Amino acid sequence: MTDKRPRFHSVDVFPSGSRGRRYVGAGDDGLDPISRRLLNQIDELRRLELERHRAARDSDEFNDLAAKVERAARDVFDTAALEKSNRG
């Protein structure tokens, strides 16, 4: 009997030494463009958050990254709403 469950493996999404990993299912190759964009936006949001956490609080870098995180989070929310509306 063959196991038909999807297989998952993790891939590095950040430079070596960071903790960021994304779990990719065997069926990710067949994702529609909106789902793929959503996953990429989530990866970018995670990357920006990690970078922001490394910046000194109240520094210009921290504030710039906080604004980027906010924009990235809005993009994720908007794309998720679009994906939901396309699925009916």
PDB file of N, CA and C in Angstrom:
ATOM      1  N   MET A   1       0.835  -1.169   0.000  1.00  0.00           N
ATOM      2  CA  MET A   1       0.000   0.000   0.000  1.00  0.00           C
ATOM      3  C   MET A   1       0.890   1.245   0.000  1.00  0.00           C
ATOM      4  N   THR A   2       0.622   2.164  -0.901  1.00  0.00           N
ATOM      5  CA  THR A   2       1.437   3.366  -1.051  1.00  0.00           C
ATOM      6  C   THR A   2       0.841   4.506  -0.234  1.00  0.00           C
ATOM      7  N   ASP A   3       1.691   5.192   0.499  1.00  0.00           N
ATOM      8  CA  ASP A   3       1.264   6.341   1.292  1.00  0.00           C
ATOM      9  C   ASP A   3       1.071   7.540   0.370  1.00  0.00           C
ATOM     10  N   LYS A   4      -0.135   8.077   0.293  1.00  0.00           N
ATOM     11  CA  LYS A   4      -0.451   9.177  -0.621  1.00  0.00           C
ATOM     12  C   LYS A   4      -0.422  10.546   0.069  1.00  0.00           C
ATOM     13  N   ARG A   5      -0.094  10.581   1.349  1.00  0.00           N
ATOM     14  CA  ARG A   5      -0.055  11.855   2.057  1.00  0.00           C
ATOM     15  C   ARG A   5       1.045  12.741   1.508  1.00  0.00           C
ATOM     16  N   PRO A   6       0.802  14.073   1.484  1.00  0.00           N
ATOM     17  CA  PRO A   6       1.856  14.966   0.982  1.00  0.00           C
ATOM     18  C   PRO A   6       3.085  14.925   1.883  1.00  0.00           C
ATOM     19  N   ARG A   7       4.205  15.046   1.289  1.00  0.00           N
ATOM     20  CA  ARG A   7       5.475  15.106   2.023  1.00  0.00           C
ATOM     21  C   ARG A   7       5.863  16.571   2.207  1.00  0.00           C
ATOM     22  N   PHE A   8       6.448  16.873   3.338  1.00  0.00           N
ATOM     23  CA  PHE A   8       6.888  18.230   3.614  1.00  0.00           C
ATOM     24  C   PHE A   8       8.366  18.213   3.935  1.00  0.00           C
ATOM     25  N   HIS A   9       9.034  19.248   3.531  1.00  0.00           N
ATOM     26  CA  HIS A   9      10.431  19.429   3.888  1.00  0.00           C
ATOM     27  C   HIS A   9      10.640  20.916   4.127  1.00  0.00           C
ATOM     28  N   SER A  10      11.672  21.233   4.861  1.00  0.00           N
ATOM     29  CA  SER A  10      11.917  22.643   5.142  1.00  0.00           C
ATOM     30  C   SER A  10      13.055  23.140   4.273  1.00  0.00           C
ATOM     31  N   VAL A  11      13.009  24.400   3.937  1.00  0.00           N
ATOM     32  CA  VAL A  11      14.064  25.031   3.151  1.00  0.00           C
ATOM     33  C   VAL A  11      14.493  26.309   3.852  1.00  0.00           C
ATOM     34  N   ASP A  12      15.762  26.635   3.734  1.00  0.00           N
ATOM     35  CA  ASP A  12      16.248  27.888   4.305  1.00  0.00           C
ATOM     36  C   ASP A  12      15.720  29.045   3.480  1.00  0.00           C
ATOM     37  N   VAL A  13      15.190  30.070   4.161  1.00  0.00           N
ATOM     38  CA  VAL A  13      14.713  31.254   3.451  1.00  0.00           C
ATOM     39  C   VAL A  13      15.505  32.495   3.848  1.00  0.00           C
ATOM     40  N   PHE A  14      16.467  32.316   4.739  1.00  0.00           N
ATOM     41  CA  PHE A  14      17.291  33.424   5.186  1.00  0.00           C
ATOM     42  C   PHE A  14      18.749  33.008   5.122  1.00  0.00           C
ATOM     43  N   PRO A  15      19.651  33.965   5.183  1.00  0.00           N
ATOM     44  CA  PRO A  15      21.078  33.618   5.167  1.00  0.00           C
ATOM     45  C   PRO A  15      21.428  32.664   6.303  1.00  0.00           C
ATOM     46  N   SER A  16      22.493  31.920   6.120  1.00  0.00           N
ATOM     47  CA  SER A  16      22.896  30.955   7.138  1.00  0.00           C
ATOM     48  C   SER A  16      23.083  31.639   8.481  1.00  0.00           C
ATOM     49  N   GLY A  17      22.734  30.916   9.515  1.00  0.00           N
ATOM     50  CA  GLY A  17      22.858  31.443  10.862  1.00  0.00           C
ATOM     51  C   GLY A  17      21.566  32.032  11.388  1.00  0.00           C
ATOM     52  N   SER A  18      20.594  32.299  10.543  1.00  0.00           N
ATOM     53  CA  SER A  18      19.323  32.815  11.045  1.00  0.00           C
ATOM     54  C   SER A  18      18.376  31.651  11.275  1.00  0.00           C
ATOM     55  N   ARG A  19      17.279  31.934  11.954  1.00  0.00           N
ATOM     56  CA  ARG A  19      16.373  30.862  12.329  1.00  0.00           C
ATOM     57  C   ARG A  19      15.232  30.673  11.342  1.00  0.00           C
ATOM     58  N   GLY A  20      15.173  31.433  10.278  1.00  0.00           N
ATOM     59  CA  GLY A  20      14.030  31.385   9.377  1.00  0.00           C
ATOM     60  C   GLY A  20      14.022  30.166   8.488  1.00  0.00           C
ATOM     61  N   ARG A  21      12.953  29.415   8.542  1.00  0.00           N
ATOM     62  CA  ARG A  21      12.763  28.276   7.654  1.00  0.00           C
ATOM     63  C   ARG A  21      11.325  28.315   7.178  1.00  0.00           C
ATOM     64  N   ARG A  22      11.108  27.857   5.979  1.00  0.00           N
ATOM     65  CA  ARG A  22       9.760  27.782   5.432  1.00  0.00           C
ATOM     66  C   ARG A  22       9.493  26.323   5.107  1.00  0.00           C
ATOM     67  N   TYR A  23       8.350  25.838   5.536  1.00  0.00           N
ATOM     68  CA  TYR A  23       7.997  24.455   5.267  1.00  0.00           C
ATOM     69  C   TYR A  23       7.230  24.387   3.962  1.00  0.00           C
ATOM     70  N   VAL A  24       7.752  23.617   3.051  1.00  0.00           N
ATOM     71  CA  VAL A  24       7.240  23.546   1.700  1.00  0.00           C
ATOM     72  C   VAL A  24       6.659  22.151   1.488  1.00  0.00           C
ATOM     73  N   GLY A  25       5.421  22.108   1.049  1.00  0.00           N
ATOM     74  CA  GLY A  25       4.790  20.832   0.760  1.00  0.00           C
ATOM     75  C   GLY A  25       5.171  20.336  -0.623  1.00  0.00           C
ATOM     76  N   ALA A  26       4.982  19.072  -0.828  1.00  0.00           N
ATOM     77  CA  ALA A  26       5.311  18.482  -2.114  1.00  0.00           C
ATOM     78  C   ALA A  26       4.477  19.093  -3.232  1.00  0.00           C
ATOM     79  N   GLY A  27       3.295  19.618  -2.914  1.00  0.00           N
ATOM     80  CA  GLY A  27       2.414  20.175  -3.927  1.00  0.00           C
ATOM     81  C   GLY A  27       2.599  21.651  -4.175  1.00  0.00           C
ATOM     82  N   ASP A  28       3.607  22.286  -3.597  1.00  0.00           N
ATOM     83  CA  ASP A  28       3.810  23.732  -3.770  1.00  0.00           C
ATOM     84  C   ASP A  28       4.030  24.126  -5.222  1.00  0.00           C
ATOM     85  N   ASP A  29       4.538  23.218  -6.030  1.00  0.00           N
ATOM     86  CA  ASP A  29       4.783  23.544  -7.432  1.00  0.00           C
ATOM     87  C   ASP A  29       3.489  23.861  -8.168  1.00  0.00           C
ATOM     88  N   GLY A  30       2.366  23.328  -7.698  1.00  0.00           N
ATOM     89  CA  GLY A  30       1.094  23.539  -8.364  1.00  0.00           C
ATOM     90  C   GLY A  30       0.266  24.670  -7.790  1.00  0.00           C
ATOM     91  N   LEU A  31       0.847  25.481  -6.934  1.00  0.00           N
ATOM     92  CA  LEU A  31       0.093  26.583  -6.336  1.00  0.00           C
ATOM     93  C   LEU A  31      -0.291  27.607  -7.393  1.00  0.00           C
ATOM     94  N   ASP A  32      -1.468  28.192  -7.192  1.00  0.00           N
ATOM     95  CA  ASP A  32      -1.867  29.261  -8.101  1.00  0.00           C
ATOM     96  C   ASP A  32      -1.033  30.504  -7.790  1.00  0.00           C
ATOM     97  N   PRO A  33      -0.980  31.460  -8.706  1.00  0.00           N
ATOM     98  CA  PRO A  33      -0.119  32.639  -8.516  1.00  0.00           C
ATOM     99  C   PRO A  33      -0.438  33.450  -7.263  1.00  0.00           C
ATOM    100  N   ILE A  34      -1.687  33.535  -6.881  1.00  0.00           N
ATOM    101  CA  ILE A  34      -2.044  34.316  -5.689  1.00  0.00           C
ATOM    102  C   ILE A  34      -1.504  33.632  -4.434  1.00  0.00           C
ATOM    103  N   SER A  35      -1.655  32.317  -4.346  1.00  0.00           N
ATOM    104  CA  SER A  35      -1.141  31.579  -3.184  1.00  0.00           C
ATOM    105  C   SER A  35       0.371  31.678  -3.103  1.00  0.00           C
ATOM    106  N   ARG A  36       1.036  31.556  -4.240  1.00  0.00           N
ATOM    107  CA  ARG A  36       2.497  31.672  -4.265  1.00  0.00           C
ATOM    108  C   ARG A  36       2.929  33.073  -3.822  1.00  0.00           C
ATOM    109  N   ARG A  37       2.214  34.107  -4.308  1.00  0.00           N
ATOM    110  CA  ARG A  37       2.529  35.477  -3.911  1.00  0.00           C
ATOM    111  C   ARG A  37       2.331  35.647  -2.408  1.00  0.00           C
ATOM    112  N   LEU A  38       1.253  35.073  -1.862  1.00  0.00           N
ATOM    113  CA  LEU A  38       0.994  35.170  -0.431  1.00  0.00           C
ATOM    114  C   LEU A  38       2.126  34.542   0.375  1.00  0.00           C
ATOM    115  N   LEU A  39       2.575  33.361  -0.020  1.00  0.00           N
ATOM    116  CA  LEU A  39       3.679  32.721   0.694  1.00  0.00           C
ATOM    117  C   LEU A  39       4.955  33.553   0.613  1.00  0.00           C
ATOM    118  N   ASN A  40       5.224  34.124  -0.542  1.00  0.00           N
ATOM    119  CA  ASN A  40       6.409  34.972  -0.692  1.00  0.00           C
ATOM    120  C   ASN A  40       6.301  36.226   0.171  1.00  0.00           C
ATOM    121  N   GLN A  41       5.109  36.803   0.246  1.00  0.00           N
ATOM    122  CA  GLN A  41       4.920  37.993   1.079  1.00  0.00           C
ATOM    123  C   GLN A  41       5.091  37.662   2.558  1.00  0.00           C
ATOM    124  N   ILE A  42       4.621  36.500   2.972  1.00  0.00           N
ATOM    125  CA  ILE A  42       4.797  36.078   4.367  1.00  0.00           C
ATOM    126  C   ILE A  42       6.279  35.881   4.669  1.00  0.00           C
ATOM    127  N   ASP A  43       7.001  35.284   3.738  1.00  0.00           N
ATOM    128  CA  ASP A  43       8.449  35.125   3.923  1.00  0.00           C
ATOM    129  C   ASP A  43       9.138  36.477   4.062  1.00  0.00           C
ATOM    130  N   GLU A  44       8.741  37.441   3.234  1.00  0.00           N
ATOM    131  CA  GLU A  44       9.335  38.780   3.294  1.00  0.00           C
ATOM    132  C   GLU A  44       8.985  39.463   4.618  1.00  0.00           C
ATOM    133  N   LEU A  45       7.751  39.316   5.068  1.00  0.00           N
ATOM    134  CA  LEU A  45       7.346  39.888   6.356  1.00  0.00           C
ATOM    135  C   LEU A  45       8.185  39.299   7.481  1.00  0.00           C
ATOM    136  N   ARG A  46       8.378  37.994   7.468  1.00  0.00           N
ATOM    137  CA  ARG A  46       9.198  37.338   8.494  1.00  0.00           C
ATOM    138  C   ARG A  46      10.635  37.853   8.443  1.00  0.00           C
ATOM    139  N   ARG A  47      11.179  37.995   7.235  1.00  0.00           N
ATOM    140  CA  ARG A  47      12.548  38.497   7.083  1.00  0.00           C
ATOM    141  C   ARG A  47      12.679  39.908   7.652  1.00  0.00           C
ATOM    142  N   LEU A  48      11.713  40.764   7.337  1.00  0.00           N
ATOM    143  CA  LEU A  48      11.748  42.138   7.834  1.00  0.00           C
ATOM    144  C   LEU A  48      11.615  42.188   9.360  1.00  0.00           C
ATOM    145  N   GLU A  49      10.754  41.347   9.914  1.00  0.00           N
ATOM    146  CA  GLU A  49      10.596  41.306  11.375  1.00  0.00           C
ATOM    147  C   GLU A  49      11.894  40.886  12.061  1.00  0.00           C
ATOM    148  N   LEU A  50      12.554  39.878  11.518  1.00  0.00           N
ATOM    149  CA  LEU A  50      13.827  39.451  12.107  1.00  0.00           C
ATOM    150  C   LEU A  50      14.863  40.564  12.038  1.00  0.00           C
ATOM    151  N   GLU A  51      14.896  41.253  10.915  1.00  0.00           N
ATOM    152  CA  GLU A  51      15.834  42.365  10.757  1.00  0.00           C
ATOM    153  C   GLU A  51      15.512  43.495  11.736  1.00  0.00           C
ATOM    154  N   ARG A  52      14.229  43.775  11.890  1.00  0.00           N
ATOM    155  CA  ARG A  52      13.804  44.842  12.814  1.00  0.00           C
ATOM    156  C   ARG A  52      14.185  44.503  14.250  1.00  0.00           C
ATOM    157  N   HIS A  53      14.045  43.236  14.614  1.00  0.00           N
ATOM    158  CA  HIS A  53      14.383  42.830  15.984  1.00  0.00           C
ATOM    159  C   HIS A  53      15.875  42.951  16.274  1.00  0.00           C
ATOM    160  N   ARG A  54      16.684  42.963  15.232  1.00  0.00           N
ATOM    161  CA  ARG A  54      18.137  43.109  15.416  1.00  0.00           C
ATOM    162  C   ARG A  54      18.564  44.573  15.495  1.00  0.00           C
ATOM    163  N   ALA A  55      17.697  45.479  15.053  1.00  0.00           N
ATOM    164  CA  ALA A  55      18.035  46.910  15.040  1.00  0.00           C
ATOM    165  C   ALA A  55      17.841  47.512  16.432  1.00  0.00           C
ATOM    166  N   ALA A  56      18.618  48.547  16.717  1.00  0.00           N
ATOM    167  CA  ALA A  56      18.495  49.236  18.001  1.00  0.00           C
ATOM    168  C   ALA A  56      17.171  49.987  18.052  1.00  0.00           C
ATOM    169  N   ARG A  57      16.456  49.818  19.153  1.00  0.00           N
ATOM    170  CA  ARG A  57      15.176  50.520  19.310  1.00  0.00           C
ATOM    171  C   ARG A  57      15.381  52.028  19.215  1.00  0.00           C
ATOM    172  N   ASP A  58      14.393  52.684  18.651  1.00  0.00           N
ATOM    173  CA  ASP A  58      14.387  54.142  18.480  1.00  0.00           C
ATOM    174  C   ASP A  58      15.455  54.654  17.516  1.00  0.00           C
ATOM    175  N   SER A  59      16.109  53.746  16.812  1.00  0.00           N
ATOM    176  CA  SER A  59      17.066  54.193  15.795  1.00  0.00           C
ATOM    177  C   SER A  59      16.300  54.451  14.500  1.00  0.00           C
ATOM    178  N   ASP A  60      16.924  55.198  13.600  1.00  0.00           N
ATOM    179  CA  ASP A  60      16.297  55.435  12.298  1.00  0.00           C
ATOM    180  C   ASP A  60      16.076  54.117  11.562  1.00  0.00           C
ATOM    181  N   GLU A  61      17.051  53.214  11.671  1.00  0.00           N
ATOM    182  CA  GLU A  61      16.928  51.915  11.019  1.00  0.00           C
ATOM    183  C   GLU A  61      15.700  51.160  11.541  1.00  0.00           C
ATOM    184  N   PHE A  62      15.529  51.152  12.864  1.00  0.00           N
ATOM    185  CA  PHE A  62      14.390  50.470  13.473  1.00  0.00           C
ATOM    186  C   PHE A  62      13.081  51.063  12.972  1.00  0.00           C
ATOM    187  N   ASN A  63      12.994  52.383  12.958  1.00  0.00           N
ATOM    188  CA  ASN A  63      11.761  53.041  12.516  1.00  0.00           C
ATOM    189  C   ASN A  63      11.475  52.796  11.043  1.00  0.00           C
ATOM    190  N   ASP A  64      12.508  52.799  10.213  1.00  0.00           N
ATOM    191  CA  ASP A  64      12.330  52.491   8.794  1.00  0.00           C
ATOM    192  C   ASP A  64      11.837  51.053   8.604  1.00  0.00           C
ATOM    193  N   LEU A  65      12.444  50.138   9.339  1.00  0.00           N
ATOM    194  CA  LEU A  65      12.033  48.737   9.241  1.00  0.00           C
ATOM    195  C   LEU A  65      10.616  48.534   9.767  1.00  0.00           C
ATOM    196  N   ALA A  66      10.250  49.255  10.816  1.00  0.00           N
ATOM    197  CA  ALA A  66       8.888  49.144  11.352  1.00  0.00           C
ATOM    198  C   ALA A  66       7.867  49.572  10.300  1.00  0.00           C
ATOM    199  N   ALA A  67       8.177  50.614   9.555  1.00  0.00           N
ATOM    200  CA  ALA A  67       7.274  51.065   8.487  1.00  0.00           C
ATOM    201  C   ALA A  67       7.197  50.013   7.378  1.00  0.00           C
ATOM    202  N   LYS A  68       8.326  49.394   7.048  1.00  0.00           N
ATOM    203  CA  LYS A  68       8.331  48.342   6.033  1.00  0.00           C
ATOM    204  C   LYS A  68       7.539  47.125   6.498  1.00  0.00           C
ATOM    205  N   VAL A  69       7.666  46.785   7.783  1.00  0.00           N
ATOM    206  CA  VAL A  69       6.917  45.662   8.347  1.00  0.00           C
ATOM    207  C   VAL A  69       5.417  45.948   8.253  1.00  0.00           C
ATOM    208  N   GLU A  70       5.041  47.158   8.584  1.00  0.00           N
ATOM    209  CA  GLU A  70       3.617  47.527   8.524  1.00  0.00           C
ATOM    210  C   GLU A  70       3.077  47.400   7.095  1.00  0.00           C
ATOM    211  N   ARG A  71       3.841  47.903   6.122  1.00  0.00           N
ATOM    212  CA  ARG A  71       3.409  47.793   4.718  1.00  0.00           C
ATOM    213  C   ARG A  71       3.339  46.331   4.279  1.00  0.00           C
ATOM    214  N   ALA A  72       4.333  45.535   4.683  1.00  0.00           N
ATOM    215  CA  ALA A  72       4.364  44.119   4.312  1.00  0.00           C
ATOM    216  C   ALA A  72       3.176  43.372   4.923  1.00  0.00           C
ATOM    217  N   ALA A  73       2.833  43.699   6.163  1.00  0.00           N
ATOM    218  CA  ALA A  73       1.686  43.057   6.818  1.00  0.00           C
ATOM    219  C   ALA A  73       0.389  43.409   6.100  1.00  0.00           C
ATOM    220  N   ARG A  74       0.261  44.653   5.676  1.00  0.00           N
ATOM    221  CA  ARG A  74      -0.926  45.053   4.913  1.00  0.00           C
ATOM    222  C   ARG A  74      -0.998  44.314   3.587  1.00  0.00           C
ATOM    223  N   ASP A  75       0.147  44.144   2.934  1.00  0.00           N
ATOM    224  CA  ASP A  75       0.180  43.399   1.675  1.00  0.00           C
ATOM    225  C   ASP A  75      -0.285  41.957   1.877  1.00  0.00           C
ATOM    226  N   VAL A  76       0.174  41.330   2.957  1.00  0.00           N
ATOM    227  CA  VAL A  76      -0.238  39.960   3.265  1.00  0.00           C
ATOM    228  C   VAL A  76      -1.752  39.910   3.472  1.00  0.00           C
ATOM    229  N   PHE A  77      -2.273  40.844   4.252  1.00  0.00           N
ATOM    230  CA  PHE A  77      -3.704  40.875   4.528  1.00  0.00           C
ATOM    231  C   PHE A  77      -4.499  41.066   3.239  1.00  0.00           C
ATOM    232  N   ASP A  78      -4.063  42.002   2.402  1.00  0.00           N
ATOM    233  CA  ASP A  78      -4.765  42.264   1.137  1.00  0.00           C
ATOM    234  C   ASP A  78      -4.735  41.048   0.213  1.00  0.00           C
ATOM    235  N   THR A  79      -3.592  40.398   0.123  1.00  0.00           N
ATOM    236  CA  THR A  79      -3.472  39.223  -0.737  1.00  0.00           C
ATOM    237  C   THR A  79      -4.308  38.067  -0.199  1.00  0.00           C
ATOM    238  N   ALA A  80      -4.347  37.909   1.124  1.00  0.00           N
ATOM    239  CA  ALA A  80      -5.175  36.847   1.722  1.00  0.00           C
ATOM    240  C   ALA A  80      -6.650  37.097   1.424  1.00  0.00           C
ATOM    241  N   ALA A  81      -7.077  38.354   1.492  1.00  0.00           N
ATOM    242  CA  ALA A  81      -8.465  38.681   1.174  1.00  0.00           C
ATOM    243  C   ALA A  81      -8.764  38.403  -0.304  1.00  0.00           C
ATOM    244  N   LEU A  82      -7.814  38.721  -1.175  1.00  0.00           N
ATOM    245  CA  LEU A  82      -7.989  38.447  -2.597  1.00  0.00           C
ATOM    246  C   LEU A  82      -8.093  36.948  -2.853  1.00  0.00           C
ATOM    247  N   GLU A  83      -7.224  36.189  -2.212  1.00  0.00           N
ATOM    248  CA  GLU A  83      -7.255  34.736  -2.375  1.00  0.00           C
ATOM    249  C   GLU A  83      -8.593  34.172  -1.897  1.00  0.00           C
ATOM    250  N   LYS A  84      -9.067  34.668  -0.755  1.00  0.00           N
ATOM    251  CA  LYS A  84     -10.346  34.196  -0.212  1.00  0.00           C
ATOM    252  C   LYS A  84     -11.485  34.513  -1.161  1.00  0.00           C
ATOM    253  N   SER A  85     -11.499  35.714  -1.720  1.00  0.00           N
ATOM    254  CA  SER A  85     -12.584  36.104  -2.619  1.00  0.00           C
ATOM    255  C   SER A  85     -12.563  35.299  -3.925  1.00  0.00           C
ATOM    256  N   ASN A  86     -11.371  34.901  -4.364  1.00  0.00           N
ATOM    257  CA  ASN A  86     -11.267  34.087  -5.582  1.00  0.00           C
ATOM    258  C   ASN A  86     -11.698  32.650  -5.379  1.00  0.00           C
ATOM    259  N   ARG A  87     -11.679  32.193  -4.139  1.00  0.00           N
ATOM    260  CA  ARG A  87     -12.055  30.806  -3.860  1.00  0.00           C
ATOM    261  C   ARG A  87     -13.556  30.676  -3.625  1.00  0.00           C
ATOM    262  N   GLY A  88     -14.243  31.788  -3.568  1.00  0.00           N
ATOM    263  CA  GLY A  88     -15.690  31.728  -3.477  1.00  0.00           C
ATOM    264  C   GLY A  88     -16.181  31.909  -2.113  1.00  0.00           C
TER     265      GLY A  88
END
